[in-house]
N, C-alpha and C. Protein backbone atom coordinates (compact mmCIF):
# COMPACT_ATOMS: atom_id res chain seq x y z
N MET A 1 82.08 72.93 110.67
CA MET A 1 82.23 74.28 110.15
C MET A 1 80.89 75.02 110.25
N LYS A 2 80.91 76.19 110.78
CA LYS A 2 79.69 76.98 110.97
C LYS A 2 79.29 77.64 109.65
N GLU A 3 78.02 77.54 109.33
CA GLU A 3 77.51 78.14 108.10
C GLU A 3 77.10 79.59 108.35
N THR A 4 77.53 80.45 107.47
CA THR A 4 77.15 81.86 107.53
C THR A 4 76.15 82.11 106.40
N ARG A 5 75.16 82.91 106.67
CA ARG A 5 74.19 83.26 105.62
C ARG A 5 74.90 84.13 104.59
N THR A 6 74.79 83.75 103.34
CA THR A 6 75.42 84.52 102.27
C THR A 6 74.36 85.33 101.53
N ASN A 7 74.81 86.28 100.75
CA ASN A 7 73.91 87.07 99.94
C ASN A 7 73.10 86.17 99.01
N ALA A 8 73.74 85.16 98.43
CA ALA A 8 73.04 84.23 97.54
C ALA A 8 71.90 83.54 98.28
N MET A 9 72.15 83.11 99.52
CA MET A 9 71.10 82.46 100.31
C MET A 9 69.96 83.42 100.61
N ARG A 10 70.30 84.65 100.99
CA ARG A 10 69.26 85.64 101.29
C ARG A 10 68.39 85.91 100.06
N LEU A 11 69.01 86.00 98.89
CA LEU A 11 68.25 86.25 97.66
C LEU A 11 67.33 85.08 97.33
N LEU A 12 67.81 83.85 97.51
CA LEU A 12 66.97 82.68 97.26
C LEU A 12 65.82 82.61 98.26
N ASP A 13 66.11 82.96 99.53
CA ASP A 13 65.05 83.01 100.54
C ASP A 13 63.97 84.01 100.14
N GLN A 14 64.40 85.21 99.72
CA GLN A 14 63.44 86.25 99.32
C GLN A 14 62.59 85.81 98.14
N ALA A 15 63.20 85.02 97.24
CA ALA A 15 62.48 84.54 96.05
C ALA A 15 61.62 83.31 96.35
N GLY A 16 61.74 82.79 97.57
CA GLY A 16 60.95 81.61 97.94
C GLY A 16 61.45 80.34 97.28
N ILE A 17 62.73 80.28 96.94
CA ILE A 17 63.30 79.10 96.29
C ILE A 17 63.93 78.20 97.36
N ALA A 18 63.46 76.96 97.40
CA ALA A 18 63.96 76.00 98.38
C ALA A 18 65.36 75.53 98.00
N TYR A 19 66.21 75.38 99.00
CA TYR A 19 67.57 74.87 98.80
C TYR A 19 68.04 74.27 100.11
N ARG A 20 69.12 73.55 100.03
CA ARG A 20 69.81 73.10 101.22
C ARG A 20 71.28 73.39 101.03
N THR A 21 72.02 73.39 102.10
CA THR A 21 73.44 73.72 101.99
C THR A 21 74.31 72.59 102.52
N LYS A 22 75.53 72.57 102.02
CA LYS A 22 76.55 71.65 102.51
C LYS A 22 77.82 72.47 102.68
N THR A 23 78.38 72.41 103.87
CA THR A 23 79.63 73.12 104.12
C THR A 23 80.79 72.14 104.04
N TYR A 24 81.97 72.67 103.77
CA TYR A 24 83.16 71.83 103.64
C TYR A 24 84.40 72.64 104.01
N ASP A 25 85.46 71.93 104.35
CA ASP A 25 86.74 72.56 104.65
C ASP A 25 87.50 72.78 103.35
N TYR A 26 88.25 73.84 103.29
CA TYR A 26 89.04 74.15 102.10
C TYR A 26 90.29 74.92 102.53
N ASP A 27 91.22 75.02 101.63
CA ASP A 27 92.35 75.93 101.79
C ASP A 27 92.75 76.39 100.40
N GLU A 28 93.66 77.32 100.33
CA GLU A 28 94.05 77.91 99.03
C GLU A 28 94.51 76.87 98.02
N ASP A 29 95.06 75.76 98.50
CA ASP A 29 95.55 74.72 97.60
C ASP A 29 94.46 73.74 97.18
N HIS A 30 93.30 73.85 97.81
CA HIS A 30 92.21 72.90 97.52
C HIS A 30 90.90 73.64 97.26
N LEU A 31 90.85 74.38 96.16
CA LEU A 31 89.63 75.10 95.79
C LEU A 31 88.90 74.42 94.63
N GLY A 32 89.51 73.40 94.07
CA GLY A 32 88.94 72.73 92.90
C GLY A 32 87.70 71.92 93.19
N GLY A 33 87.00 71.62 92.12
CA GLY A 33 85.74 70.90 92.22
C GLY A 33 85.85 69.50 92.79
N ALA A 34 86.92 68.78 92.45
CA ALA A 34 87.06 67.42 92.96
C ALA A 34 87.15 67.43 94.48
N HIS A 35 87.84 68.41 95.02
CA HIS A 35 87.94 68.53 96.48
C HIS A 35 86.56 68.81 97.08
N VAL A 36 85.83 69.72 96.45
CA VAL A 36 84.49 70.05 96.93
C VAL A 36 83.61 68.81 96.94
N ALA A 37 83.59 68.07 95.83
CA ALA A 37 82.74 66.88 95.73
C ALA A 37 83.09 65.87 96.81
N SER A 38 84.37 65.69 97.07
CA SER A 38 84.78 64.71 98.09
C SER A 38 84.35 65.15 99.48
N GLN A 39 84.24 66.44 99.69
CA GLN A 39 83.90 66.98 101.01
C GLN A 39 82.39 67.03 101.28
N VAL A 40 81.58 67.23 100.24
CA VAL A 40 80.15 67.44 100.48
C VAL A 40 79.30 66.19 100.26
N ASP A 41 79.92 65.08 99.87
CA ASP A 41 79.19 63.83 99.67
C ASP A 41 77.99 64.05 98.73
N PHE A 42 78.33 64.52 97.54
CA PHE A 42 77.32 64.80 96.51
C PHE A 42 77.96 64.43 95.18
N PRO A 43 77.20 63.85 94.23
CA PRO A 43 77.83 63.41 92.97
C PRO A 43 78.52 64.57 92.23
N ALA A 44 79.76 64.33 91.82
CA ALA A 44 80.56 65.37 91.16
C ALA A 44 79.89 65.91 89.89
N ASP A 45 79.18 65.05 89.15
CA ASP A 45 78.51 65.50 87.92
C ASP A 45 77.41 66.52 88.20
N GLN A 46 76.95 66.57 89.45
CA GLN A 46 75.86 67.47 89.82
C GLN A 46 76.34 68.73 90.53
N ILE A 47 77.65 68.87 90.68
CA ILE A 47 78.21 70.09 91.26
C ILE A 47 78.72 70.95 90.12
N PHE A 48 78.23 72.18 90.06
CA PHE A 48 78.55 73.07 88.95
C PHE A 48 79.45 74.20 89.39
N LYS A 49 80.48 74.47 88.58
CA LYS A 49 81.37 75.60 88.84
C LYS A 49 80.91 76.78 88.01
N THR A 50 81.15 77.97 88.52
CA THR A 50 80.73 79.20 87.86
C THR A 50 81.97 79.86 87.27
N LEU A 51 81.97 79.99 85.94
CA LEU A 51 83.12 80.54 85.22
C LEU A 51 82.74 81.87 84.59
N VAL A 52 83.64 82.82 84.67
CA VAL A 52 83.38 84.15 84.13
C VAL A 52 84.29 84.37 82.91
N THR A 53 83.67 84.78 81.82
CA THR A 53 84.38 84.97 80.57
C THR A 53 84.10 86.37 80.01
N ARG A 54 84.86 86.71 78.98
CA ARG A 54 84.63 87.98 78.29
C ARG A 54 84.45 87.67 76.81
N GLY A 55 83.31 88.11 76.28
CA GLY A 55 83.04 87.91 74.86
C GLY A 55 83.55 89.08 74.04
N GLU A 56 83.93 88.78 72.81
CA GLU A 56 84.43 89.81 71.89
C GLU A 56 83.40 90.91 71.67
N LYS A 57 82.12 90.51 71.53
CA LYS A 57 81.05 91.48 71.28
C LYS A 57 80.14 91.71 72.48
N LYS A 58 79.94 90.67 73.29
CA LYS A 58 78.90 90.71 74.32
C LYS A 58 79.40 91.08 75.72
N GLY A 59 80.70 91.24 75.89
CA GLY A 59 81.21 91.59 77.22
C GLY A 59 81.24 90.42 78.16
N ILE A 60 80.96 90.67 79.43
CA ILE A 60 81.06 89.63 80.46
C ILE A 60 79.92 88.62 80.33
N LEU A 61 80.30 87.35 80.31
CA LEU A 61 79.37 86.23 80.18
C LEU A 61 79.74 85.19 81.23
N VAL A 62 78.72 84.57 81.82
CA VAL A 62 78.94 83.60 82.89
C VAL A 62 78.44 82.23 82.43
N PHE A 63 79.22 81.20 82.77
CA PHE A 63 78.86 79.82 82.43
C PHE A 63 78.92 78.98 83.68
N CYS A 64 77.93 78.11 83.86
CA CYS A 64 77.91 77.15 84.97
C CYS A 64 77.97 75.76 84.36
N ILE A 65 79.05 75.06 84.67
CA ILE A 65 79.27 73.74 84.08
C ILE A 65 79.67 72.75 85.18
N PRO A 66 79.45 71.45 84.93
CA PRO A 66 79.85 70.45 85.93
C PRO A 66 81.34 70.55 86.22
N ILE A 67 81.70 70.33 87.48
CA ILE A 67 83.12 70.41 87.87
C ILE A 67 83.96 69.35 87.19
N THR A 68 83.32 68.32 86.65
CA THR A 68 84.03 67.22 86.00
C THR A 68 84.35 67.53 84.55
N THR A 69 83.96 68.72 84.06
CA THR A 69 84.13 69.06 82.65
C THR A 69 84.92 70.35 82.48
N GLU A 70 85.23 70.65 81.24
CA GLU A 70 85.90 71.91 80.89
C GLU A 70 84.99 72.68 79.94
N LEU A 71 85.06 73.99 80.02
CA LEU A 71 84.29 74.85 79.12
C LEU A 71 84.91 74.78 77.73
N ASP A 72 84.09 74.52 76.73
CA ASP A 72 84.53 74.56 75.33
C ASP A 72 84.26 75.99 74.85
N LEU A 73 85.31 76.78 74.68
CA LEU A 73 85.16 78.20 74.36
C LEU A 73 84.43 78.43 73.04
N LYS A 74 84.64 77.56 72.06
CA LYS A 74 83.95 77.72 70.77
C LYS A 74 82.45 77.44 70.90
N LYS A 75 82.11 76.34 71.57
CA LYS A 75 80.70 76.01 71.80
C LYS A 75 80.02 77.09 72.63
N ALA A 76 80.74 77.56 73.66
CA ALA A 76 80.18 78.58 74.56
C ALA A 76 79.92 79.88 73.79
N ALA A 77 80.87 80.30 72.97
CA ALA A 77 80.69 81.53 72.18
C ALA A 77 79.48 81.40 71.26
N LYS A 78 79.37 80.26 70.60
CA LYS A 78 78.24 80.03 69.70
C LYS A 78 76.90 80.07 70.47
N ALA A 79 76.90 79.47 71.66
CA ALA A 79 75.67 79.39 72.47
C ALA A 79 75.16 80.77 72.88
N VAL A 80 76.07 81.73 73.04
CA VAL A 80 75.66 83.07 73.46
C VAL A 80 75.68 84.09 72.32
N GLY A 81 75.95 83.62 71.11
CA GLY A 81 75.92 84.50 69.95
C GLY A 81 77.10 85.44 69.85
N ASP A 82 78.26 84.98 70.26
CA ASP A 82 79.47 85.79 70.15
C ASP A 82 80.46 85.06 69.24
N LYS A 83 81.41 85.81 68.68
CA LYS A 83 82.40 85.20 67.80
C LYS A 83 83.46 84.45 68.60
N LYS A 84 83.89 85.09 69.69
CA LYS A 84 85.00 84.54 70.46
C LYS A 84 84.85 84.96 71.92
N ILE A 85 85.14 84.03 72.83
CA ILE A 85 85.16 84.38 74.26
C ILE A 85 86.47 83.87 74.86
N GLU A 86 86.85 84.47 75.97
CA GLU A 86 88.03 84.01 76.69
C GLU A 86 87.75 84.13 78.18
N MET A 87 88.46 83.31 78.95
CA MET A 87 88.32 83.36 80.41
C MET A 87 88.87 84.70 80.90
N ILE A 88 88.24 85.28 81.91
CA ILE A 88 88.79 86.50 82.49
C ILE A 88 89.96 86.12 83.38
N HIS A 89 90.79 87.09 83.71
CA HIS A 89 91.91 86.84 84.62
C HIS A 89 91.36 86.72 86.04
N VAL A 90 91.94 85.80 86.82
CA VAL A 90 91.49 85.56 88.19
C VAL A 90 91.38 86.85 89.01
N LYS A 91 92.30 87.78 88.80
CA LYS A 91 92.29 89.01 89.61
C LYS A 91 91.08 89.90 89.30
N GLU A 92 90.36 89.62 88.21
CA GLU A 92 89.18 90.41 87.84
C GLU A 92 87.89 89.90 88.49
N ILE A 93 87.90 88.68 89.00
CA ILE A 93 86.66 88.04 89.48
C ILE A 93 85.95 88.87 90.55
N LEU A 94 86.66 89.27 91.58
CA LEU A 94 86.05 90.00 92.68
C LEU A 94 85.42 91.31 92.20
N GLY A 95 86.14 92.07 91.41
CA GLY A 95 85.63 93.35 90.94
C GLY A 95 84.40 93.22 90.05
N LEU A 96 84.37 92.18 89.24
CA LEU A 96 83.24 91.98 88.32
C LEU A 96 82.02 91.36 88.99
N THR A 97 82.26 90.40 89.88
CA THR A 97 81.15 89.62 90.42
C THR A 97 80.83 89.91 91.88
N GLY A 98 81.81 90.40 92.63
CA GLY A 98 81.64 90.55 94.07
C GLY A 98 82.02 89.29 94.82
N TYR A 99 82.47 88.28 94.09
CA TYR A 99 82.85 87.00 94.68
C TYR A 99 84.33 86.71 94.46
N VAL A 100 84.91 85.86 95.32
CA VAL A 100 86.31 85.46 95.18
C VAL A 100 86.41 84.14 94.44
N ARG A 101 87.60 83.88 93.90
CA ARG A 101 87.85 82.59 93.24
C ARG A 101 87.55 81.47 94.22
N GLY A 102 86.80 80.47 93.76
CA GLY A 102 86.44 79.36 94.63
C GLY A 102 85.14 79.61 95.39
N GLY A 103 84.58 80.80 95.24
CA GLY A 103 83.33 81.13 95.93
C GLY A 103 82.39 81.92 95.05
N CYS A 104 82.54 81.77 93.74
CA CYS A 104 81.72 82.53 92.79
C CYS A 104 80.40 81.81 92.55
N SER A 105 79.30 82.48 92.85
CA SER A 105 77.96 81.90 92.70
C SER A 105 77.24 82.55 91.52
N PRO A 106 76.38 81.80 90.83
CA PRO A 106 75.57 82.42 89.79
C PRO A 106 74.46 83.32 90.37
N VAL A 107 74.24 83.22 91.67
CA VAL A 107 73.20 84.00 92.34
C VAL A 107 73.83 85.20 93.03
N GLY A 108 73.34 86.40 92.74
CA GLY A 108 73.74 87.57 93.48
C GLY A 108 75.02 88.25 93.04
N MET A 109 75.38 88.11 91.77
CA MET A 109 76.55 88.83 91.28
C MET A 109 76.26 90.33 91.29
N LYS A 110 77.33 91.14 91.24
CA LYS A 110 77.19 92.60 91.26
C LYS A 110 76.26 93.11 90.17
N LYS A 111 76.31 92.48 88.99
CA LYS A 111 75.46 92.86 87.87
C LYS A 111 74.79 91.60 87.32
N PRO A 112 73.65 91.77 86.67
CA PRO A 112 72.97 90.59 86.09
C PRO A 112 73.57 90.22 84.73
N TYR A 113 74.71 89.56 84.76
CA TYR A 113 75.36 89.12 83.52
C TYR A 113 74.57 87.99 82.87
N PRO A 114 74.67 87.84 81.55
CA PRO A 114 74.07 86.68 80.89
C PRO A 114 74.70 85.40 81.45
N ILE A 115 73.86 84.43 81.81
CA ILE A 115 74.34 83.18 82.40
C ILE A 115 73.83 82.00 81.57
N CYS A 116 74.76 81.13 81.22
CA CYS A 116 74.42 79.93 80.46
C CYS A 116 74.88 78.70 81.25
N PHE A 117 73.96 77.78 81.48
CA PHE A 117 74.26 76.53 82.17
C PHE A 117 74.47 75.44 81.14
N ASP A 118 75.40 74.53 81.44
CA ASP A 118 75.52 73.36 80.58
C ASP A 118 74.19 72.62 80.63
N GLU A 119 73.78 72.11 79.48
CA GLU A 119 72.47 71.46 79.36
C GLU A 119 72.30 70.26 80.29
N THR A 120 73.40 69.69 80.76
CA THR A 120 73.29 68.53 81.67
C THR A 120 72.64 68.91 83.00
N ALA A 121 72.61 70.19 83.34
CA ALA A 121 71.97 70.61 84.60
C ALA A 121 70.53 70.11 84.67
N LEU A 122 69.87 70.06 83.53
CA LEU A 122 68.45 69.67 83.49
C LEU A 122 68.22 68.17 83.66
N LEU A 123 69.30 67.40 83.69
CA LEU A 123 69.17 65.95 83.88
C LEU A 123 68.89 65.59 85.33
N TYR A 124 69.09 66.53 86.24
CA TYR A 124 69.04 66.24 87.67
C TYR A 124 67.92 66.99 88.38
N ASP A 125 67.45 66.40 89.49
CA ASP A 125 66.47 67.06 90.34
C ASP A 125 67.13 68.12 91.19
N GLU A 126 68.44 67.97 91.40
CA GLU A 126 69.17 68.87 92.28
C GLU A 126 70.60 69.01 91.78
N ILE A 127 71.10 70.26 91.76
CA ILE A 127 72.50 70.50 91.46
C ILE A 127 73.08 71.36 92.57
N GLY A 128 74.41 71.38 92.64
CA GLY A 128 75.09 72.21 93.61
C GLY A 128 75.83 73.34 92.92
N VAL A 129 75.75 74.54 93.51
CA VAL A 129 76.53 75.69 93.05
C VAL A 129 77.09 76.37 94.30
N SER A 130 78.09 77.19 94.12
CA SER A 130 78.67 77.88 95.26
C SER A 130 77.62 78.77 95.92
N ALA A 131 77.69 78.83 97.23
CA ALA A 131 76.78 79.68 98.00
C ALA A 131 77.27 81.13 98.03
N GLY A 132 78.38 81.39 97.33
CA GLY A 132 78.91 82.75 97.30
C GLY A 132 80.05 82.96 98.27
N THR A 133 80.53 81.86 98.82
CA THR A 133 81.69 81.90 99.71
C THR A 133 82.39 80.57 99.61
N ARG A 134 83.67 80.57 99.84
CA ARG A 134 84.40 79.30 99.87
C ARG A 134 83.90 78.50 101.06
N GLY A 135 83.75 77.19 100.86
CA GLY A 135 83.36 76.33 101.96
C GLY A 135 81.88 76.05 102.10
N CYS A 136 81.07 76.49 101.13
CA CYS A 136 79.63 76.24 101.22
C CYS A 136 79.02 76.11 99.84
N GLN A 137 78.24 75.04 99.66
CA GLN A 137 77.51 74.79 98.43
C GLN A 137 76.02 74.90 98.69
N ILE A 138 75.29 75.43 97.70
CA ILE A 138 73.83 75.45 97.74
C ILE A 138 73.36 74.32 96.81
N LEU A 139 72.48 73.47 97.30
CA LEU A 139 71.91 72.38 96.49
C LEU A 139 70.45 72.73 96.24
N LEU A 140 70.07 72.78 94.95
CA LEU A 140 68.71 73.20 94.63
C LEU A 140 68.27 72.68 93.27
N ASP A 141 67.00 72.90 92.97
CA ASP A 141 66.39 72.50 91.71
C ASP A 141 66.99 73.35 90.58
N PRO A 142 67.62 72.71 89.57
CA PRO A 142 68.26 73.49 88.51
C PRO A 142 67.29 74.35 87.71
N GLU A 143 66.07 73.87 87.49
CA GLU A 143 65.11 74.67 86.71
C GLU A 143 64.75 75.96 87.44
N GLN A 144 64.56 75.87 88.76
CA GLN A 144 64.26 77.08 89.53
C GLN A 144 65.44 78.04 89.52
N LEU A 145 66.64 77.50 89.66
CA LEU A 145 67.85 78.34 89.65
C LEU A 145 68.00 79.05 88.30
N ILE A 146 67.90 78.29 87.23
CA ILE A 146 68.07 78.86 85.89
C ILE A 146 67.03 79.95 85.63
N GLN A 147 65.80 79.70 86.01
CA GLN A 147 64.75 80.69 85.84
C GLN A 147 65.04 81.93 86.68
N TYR A 148 65.47 81.73 87.93
CA TYR A 148 65.73 82.86 88.83
C TYR A 148 66.82 83.79 88.29
N VAL A 149 67.88 83.23 87.73
CA VAL A 149 68.99 84.06 87.24
C VAL A 149 68.82 84.45 85.77
N ASN A 150 67.63 84.18 85.22
CA ASN A 150 67.36 84.45 83.79
C ASN A 150 68.39 83.78 82.89
N GLY A 151 68.74 82.55 83.28
CA GLY A 151 69.74 81.80 82.52
C GLY A 151 69.14 81.03 81.37
N ARG A 152 70.01 80.39 80.66
CA ARG A 152 69.61 79.51 79.57
C ARG A 152 70.50 78.29 79.63
N CYS A 153 70.18 77.27 78.84
CA CYS A 153 70.98 76.06 78.79
C CYS A 153 71.47 75.79 77.38
N ALA A 154 72.66 75.23 77.28
CA ALA A 154 73.23 74.85 75.98
C ALA A 154 74.34 73.84 76.23
N ASP A 155 74.76 73.18 75.17
CA ASP A 155 75.90 72.27 75.24
C ASP A 155 77.15 73.15 75.14
N VAL A 156 77.83 73.37 76.26
CA VAL A 156 78.99 74.29 76.28
C VAL A 156 80.26 73.63 76.81
N THR A 157 80.24 72.30 77.01
CA THR A 157 81.43 71.64 77.55
C THR A 157 82.16 70.83 76.49
N ALA A 158 83.45 70.63 76.75
CA ALA A 158 84.30 69.87 75.82
C ALA A 158 83.99 68.39 75.93
């Protein structure tokens, strides 16, 4: 599969942040994290999915968690100082982030939304996140990524 330069890659290049990429085959029925992990030969605990939520008080909030876990909405709300959060509807993802389902990256969203990573990201020298398109993962240092997107870390998984 041929790799195309994505906006996320261009932004990381401009910031001087080192990364590598892994491409994989996908289809509409196989957008989940387990499929991605099996395709890119990278530990599933180190591949993070980007989830977009709406807080009762804070508006749009983004969470990056391991593909092997689920977002705990109560923990996540507490971590960002909101009373209650809920997942946005899939049809809203493109309009809010500029990315499609299965290709949502924490890098280069339309607006700089608050981003919270599960604290396990810091356990690794390298994590994977979407490159901003289906079929490509960016593997990079989690501390550099979190700093670049002005993110924070908390225990937000069930």
